Amino acid sequence: TIMSFTNDLKLPTYEELECPVVNISSPALRAGSFYLAKHCDLQFKEFMLCRQVRME
């Protein structure tokens, strides 16, 4: 199925998209990225499998 945008789609407002800036250094972000990647590993693999099946 191909997803398309319709008038029923509710987009967030600018106020909902605003978030505070986090002052953190690059090494700390890089160190945390490994934990985030490990946490999302199953969802990423499932997404890539579905993507591969769709292209076939």
PDB file of N, CA and C in Angstrom:
ATOM      1  N   THR A   1       0.841  -1.187   0.000  1.00  0.00           N
ATOM      2  CA  THR A   1       0.000   0.000   0.000  1.00  0.00           C
ATOM      3  C   THR A   1       0.876   1.237   0.000  1.00  0.00           C
ATOM      4  N   ILE A   2       0.436   2.237  -0.721  1.00  0.00           N
ATOM      5  CA  ILE A   2       1.166   3.497  -0.772  1.00  0.00           C
ATOM      6  C   ILE A   2       0.452   4.480   0.142  1.00  0.00           C
ATOM      7  N   MET A   3       1.196   5.076   1.053  1.00  0.00           N
ATOM      8  CA  MET A   3       0.608   6.040   1.968  1.00  0.00           C
ATOM      9  C   MET A   3       0.596   7.410   1.318  1.00  0.00           C
ATOM     10  N   SER A   4      -0.495   8.111   1.461  1.00  0.00           N
ATOM     11  CA  SER A   4      -0.588   9.463   0.934  1.00  0.00           C
ATOM     12  C   SER A   4      -1.117  10.386   2.023  1.00  0.00           C
ATOM     13  N   PHE A   5      -0.886  11.661   1.851  1.00  0.00           N
ATOM     14  CA  PHE A   5      -1.351  12.651   2.810  1.00  0.00           C
ATOM     15  C   PHE A   5      -2.757  13.097   2.438  1.00  0.00           C
ATOM     16  N   THR A   6      -3.627  13.169   3.418  1.00  0.00           N
ATOM     17  CA  THR A   6      -4.988  13.646   3.207  1.00  0.00           C
ATOM     18  C   THR A   6      -5.260  14.780   4.187  1.00  0.00           C
ATOM     19  N   ASN A   7      -6.421  15.393   4.065  1.00  0.00           N
ATOM     20  CA  ASN A   7      -6.796  16.472   4.981  1.00  0.00           C
ATOM     21  C   ASN A   7      -7.047  15.963   6.391  1.00  0.00           C
ATOM     22  N   ASP A   8      -7.220  14.658   6.553  1.00  0.00           N
ATOM     23  CA  ASP A   8      -7.450  14.079   7.876  1.00  0.00           C
ATOM     24  C   ASP A   8      -6.174  13.970   8.703  1.00  0.00           C
ATOM     25  N   LEU A   9      -5.031  14.140   8.069  1.00  0.00           N
ATOM     26  CA  LEU A   9      -3.754  14.026   8.765  1.00  0.00           C
ATOM     27  C   LEU A   9      -3.571  15.209   9.707  1.00  0.00           C
ATOM     28  N   LYS A  10      -3.351  14.929  10.979  1.00  0.00           N
ATOM     29  CA  LYS A  10      -3.157  15.973  11.985  1.00  0.00           C
ATOM     30  C   LYS A  10      -1.660  16.184  12.196  1.00  0.00           C
ATOM     31  N   LEU A  11      -1.166  17.338  11.787  1.00  0.00           N
ATOM     32  CA  LEU A  11       0.233  17.679  11.993  1.00  0.00           C
ATOM     33  C   LEU A  11       0.382  18.423  13.304  1.00  0.00           C
ATOM     34  N   PRO A  12       1.517  18.253  13.996  1.00  0.00           N
ATOM     35  CA  PRO A  12       1.716  18.979  15.252  1.00  0.00           C
ATOM     36  C   PRO A  12       1.891  20.474  14.998  1.00  0.00           C
ATOM     37  N   THR A  13       1.530  21.264  15.986  1.00  0.00           N
ATOM     38  CA  THR A  13       1.705  22.711  15.889  1.00  0.00           C
ATOM     39  C   THR A  13       3.162  23.057  16.168  1.00  0.00           C
ATOM     40  N   TYR A  14       3.540  24.285  15.862  1.00  0.00           N
ATOM     41  CA  TYR A  14       4.904  24.724  16.134  1.00  0.00           C
ATOM     42  C   TYR A  14       5.204  24.681  17.630  1.00  0.00           C
ATOM     43  N   GLU A  15       4.212  24.985  18.450  1.00  0.00           N
ATOM     44  CA  GLU A  15       4.412  24.947  19.900  1.00  0.00           C
ATOM     45  C   GLU A  15       4.720  23.525  20.372  1.00  0.00           C
ATOM     46  N   GLU A  16       4.084  22.544  19.762  1.00  0.00           N
ATOM     47  CA  GLU A  16       4.329  21.151  20.143  1.00  0.00           C
ATOM     48  C   GLU A  16       5.699  20.668  19.678  1.00  0.00           C
ATOM     49  N   LEU A  17       6.223  21.277  18.628  1.00  0.00           N
ATOM     50  CA  LEU A  17       7.520  20.859  18.095  1.00  0.00           C
ATOM     51  C   LEU A  17       8.696  21.491  18.825  1.00  0.00           C
ATOM     52  N   GLU A  18       8.451  22.576  19.539  1.00  0.00           N
ATOM     53  CA  GLU A  18       9.539  23.245  20.246  1.00  0.00           C
ATOM     54  C   GLU A  18      10.009  22.396  21.416  1.00  0.00           C
ATOM     55  N   CYS A  19      11.315  22.360  21.611  1.00  0.00           N
ATOM     56  CA  CYS A  19      11.880  21.630  22.732  1.00  0.00           C
ATOM     57  C   CYS A  19      13.124  22.372  23.211  1.00  0.00           C
ATOM     58  N   PRO A  20      13.489  22.202  24.456  1.00  0.00           N
ATOM     59  CA  PRO A  20      14.672  22.896  24.962  1.00  0.00           C
ATOM     60  C   PRO A  20      15.950  22.332  24.348  1.00  0.00           C
ATOM     61  N   VAL A  21      16.948  23.189  24.220  1.00  0.00           N
ATOM     62  CA  VAL A  21      18.240  22.776  23.690  1.00  0.00           C
ATOM     63  C   VAL A  21      19.016  22.093  24.810  1.00  0.00           C
ATOM     64  N   VAL A  22      19.594  20.953  24.508  1.00  0.00           N
ATOM     65  CA  VAL A  22      20.382  20.212  25.488  1.00  0.00           C
ATOM     66  C   VAL A  22      21.849  20.488  25.204  1.00  0.00           C
ATOM     67  N   ASN A  23      22.529  21.047  26.173  1.00  0.00           N
ATOM     68  CA  ASN A  23      23.956  21.329  26.021  1.00  0.00           C
ATOM     69  C   ASN A  23      24.746  20.085  26.420  1.00  0.00           C
ATOM     70  N   ILE A  24      25.206  19.362  25.421  1.00  0.00           N
ATOM     71  CA  ILE A  24      25.963  18.136  25.660  1.00  0.00           C
ATOM     72  C   ILE A  24      27.052  18.044  24.594  1.00  0.00           C
ATOM     73  N   SER A  25      28.158  17.467  24.951  1.00  0.00           N
ATOM     74  CA  SER A  25      29.297  17.413  24.035  1.00  0.00           C
ATOM     75  C   SER A  25      29.158  16.244  23.054  1.00  0.00           C
ATOM     76  N   SER A  26      29.906  16.318  21.982  1.00  0.00           N
ATOM     77  CA  SER A  26      29.877  15.264  20.963  1.00  0.00           C
ATOM     78  C   SER A  26      30.301  13.903  21.503  1.00  0.00           C
ATOM     79  N   PRO A  27      31.370  13.816  22.312  1.00  0.00           N
ATOM     80  CA  PRO A  27      31.737  12.489  22.832  1.00  0.00           C
ATOM     81  C   PRO A  27      30.619  11.830  23.647  1.00  0.00           C
ATOM     82  N   ALA A  28      29.892  12.628  24.401  1.00  0.00           N
ATOM     83  CA  ALA A  28      28.791  12.059  25.188  1.00  0.00           C
ATOM     84  C   ALA A  28      27.671  11.575  24.272  1.00  0.00           C
ATOM     85  N   LEU A  29      27.382  12.327  23.219  1.00  0.00           N
ATOM     86  CA  LEU A  29      26.359  11.897  22.263  1.00  0.00           C
ATOM     87  C   LEU A  29      26.774  10.621  21.547  1.00  0.00           C
ATOM     88  N   ARG A  30      28.042  10.541  21.182  1.00  0.00           N
ATOM     89  CA  ARG A  30      28.532   9.336  20.504  1.00  0.00           C
ATOM     90  C   ARG A  30      28.484   8.126  21.423  1.00  0.00           C
ATOM     91  N   ALA A  31      28.817   8.322  22.687  1.00  0.00           N
ATOM     92  CA  ALA A  31      28.772   7.210  23.637  1.00  0.00           C
ATOM     93  C   ALA A  31      27.337   6.721  23.822  1.00  0.00           C
ATOM     94  N   GLY A  32      26.397   7.641  23.885  1.00  0.00           N
ATOM     95  CA  GLY A  32      24.994   7.273  24.056  1.00  0.00           C
ATOM     96  C   GLY A  32      24.379   6.655  22.817  1.00  0.00           C
ATOM     97  N   SER A  33      24.949   6.950  21.650  1.00  0.00           N
ATOM     98  CA  SER A  33      24.374   6.447  20.401  1.00  0.00           C
ATOM     99  C   SER A  33      24.411   4.922  20.328  1.00  0.00           C
ATOM    100  N   PHE A  34      25.405   4.298  20.925  1.00  0.00           N
ATOM    101  CA  PHE A  34      25.489   2.838  20.911  1.00  0.00           C
ATOM    102  C   PHE A  34      24.338   2.216  21.703  1.00  0.00           C
ATOM    103  N   TYR A  35      23.989   2.838  22.833  1.00  0.00           N
ATOM    104  CA  TYR A  35      22.878   2.333  23.635  1.00  0.00           C
ATOM    105  C   TYR A  35      21.547   2.547  22.919  1.00  0.00           C
ATOM    106  N   LEU A  36      21.396   3.689  22.256  1.00  0.00           N
ATOM    107  CA  LEU A  36      20.173   3.959  21.508  1.00  0.00           C
ATOM    108  C   LEU A  36      20.032   2.983  20.344  1.00  0.00           C
ATOM    109  N   ALA A  37      21.125   2.728  19.638  1.00  0.00           N
ATOM    110  CA  ALA A  37      21.095   1.789  18.515  1.00  0.00           C
ATOM    111  C   ALA A  37      20.737   0.384  18.997  1.00  0.00           C
ATOM    112  N   LYS A  38      21.276  -0.016  20.130  1.00  0.00           N
ATOM    113  CA  LYS A  38      20.968  -1.339  20.673  1.00  0.00           C
ATOM    114  C   LYS A  38      19.498  -1.429  21.073  1.00  0.00           C
ATOM    115  N   HIS A  39      18.967  -0.343  21.603  1.00  0.00           N
ATOM    116  CA  HIS A  39      17.563  -0.312  22.026  1.00  0.00           C
ATOM    117  C   HIS A  39      16.629  -0.424  20.823  1.00  0.00           C
ATOM    118  N   CYS A  40      16.997   0.162  19.697  1.00  0.00           N
ATOM    119  CA  CYS A  40      16.144   0.198  18.496  1.00  0.00           C
ATOM    120  C   CYS A  40      16.488  -0.895  17.491  1.00  0.00           C
ATOM    121  N   ASP A  41      17.358  -1.810  17.839  1.00  0.00           N
ATOM    122  CA  ASP A  41      17.861  -2.805  16.892  1.00  0.00           C
ATOM    123  C   ASP A  41      16.745  -3.674  16.305  1.00  0.00           C
ATOM    124  N   LEU A  42      15.842  -4.154  17.125  1.00  0.00           N
ATOM    125  CA  LEU A  42      14.773  -5.030  16.645  1.00  0.00           C
ATOM    126  C   LEU A  42      13.852  -4.295  15.665  1.00  0.00           C
ATOM    127  N   GLN A  43      13.460  -3.071  16.005  1.00  0.00           N
ATOM    128  CA  GLN A  43      12.589  -2.298  15.119  1.00  0.00           C
ATOM    129  C   GLN A  43      13.289  -1.984  13.808  1.00  0.00           C
ATOM    130  N   PHE A  44      14.578  -1.681  13.865  1.00  0.00           N
ATOM    131  CA  PHE A  44      15.332  -1.372  12.653  1.00  0.00           C
ATOM    132  C   PHE A  44      15.415  -2.591  11.735  1.00  0.00           C
ATOM    133  N   LYS A  45      15.688  -3.753  12.313  1.00  0.00           N
ATOM    134  CA  LYS A  45      15.778  -4.976  11.507  1.00  0.00           C
ATOM    135  C   LYS A  45      14.429  -5.321  10.881  1.00  0.00           C
ATOM    136  N   GLU A  46      13.353  -5.122  11.627  1.00  0.00           N
ATOM    137  CA  GLU A  46      12.021  -5.386  11.091  1.00  0.00           C
ATOM    138  C   GLU A  46      11.704  -4.421   9.945  1.00  0.00           C
ATOM    139  N   PHE A  47      12.063  -3.151  10.112  1.00  0.00           N
ATOM    140  CA  PHE A  47      11.849  -2.160   9.060  1.00  0.00           C
ATOM    141  C   PHE A  47      12.622  -2.523   7.800  1.00  0.00           C
ATOM    142  N   MET A  48      13.883  -2.905   7.953  1.00  0.00           N
ATOM    143  CA  MET A  48      14.706  -3.241   6.793  1.00  0.00           C
ATOM    144  C   MET A  48      14.176  -4.491   6.093  1.00  0.00           C
ATOM    145  N   LEU A  49      13.675  -5.453   6.853  1.00  0.00           N
ATOM    146  CA  LEU A  49      13.098  -6.657   6.259  1.00  0.00           C
ATOM    147  C   LEU A  49      11.845  -6.310   5.456  1.00  0.00           C
ATOM    148  N   CYS A  50      10.968  -5.496   6.020  1.00  0.00           N
ATOM    149  CA  CYS A  50       9.756  -5.078   5.297  1.00  0.00           C
ATOM    150  C   CYS A  50      10.118  -4.287   4.052  1.00  0.00           C
ATOM    151  N   ARG A  51      11.110  -3.447   4.158  1.00  0.00           N
ATOM    152  CA  ARG A  51      11.545  -2.640   3.015  1.00  0.00           C
ATOM    153  C   ARG A  51      12.079  -3.534   1.900  1.00  0.00           C
ATOM    154  N   GLN A  52      12.854  -4.538   2.288  1.00  0.00           N
ATOM    155  CA  GLN A  52      13.421  -5.454   1.304  1.00  0.00           C
ATOM    156  C   GLN A  52      12.322  -6.265   0.621  1.00  0.00           C
ATOM    157  N   VAL A  53      11.330  -6.693   1.372  1.00  0.00           N
ATOM    158  CA  VAL A  53      10.225  -7.468   0.812  1.00  0.00           C
ATOM    159  C   VAL A  53       9.411  -6.606  -0.146  1.00  0.00           C
ATOM    160  N   ARG A  54       9.205  -5.342   0.182  1.00  0.00           N
ATOM    161  CA  ARG A  54       8.433  -4.442  -0.689  1.00  0.00           C
ATOM    162  C   ARG A  54       9.126  -4.205  -2.019  1.00  0.00           C
ATOM    163  N   MET A  55      10.452  -4.202  -2.029  1.00  0.00           N
ATOM    164  CA  MET A  55      11.196  -3.927  -3.255  1.00  0.00           C
ATOM    165  C   MET A  55      11.217  -5.130  -4.185  1.00  0.00           C
ATOM    166  N   GLU A  56      10.940  -6.305  -3.675  1.00  0.00           N
ATOM    167  CA  GLU A  56      10.982  -7.523  -4.497  1.00  0.00           C
ATOM    168  C   GLU A  56       9.780  -7.655  -5.381  1.00  0.00           C
TER     169      GLU A  56
END
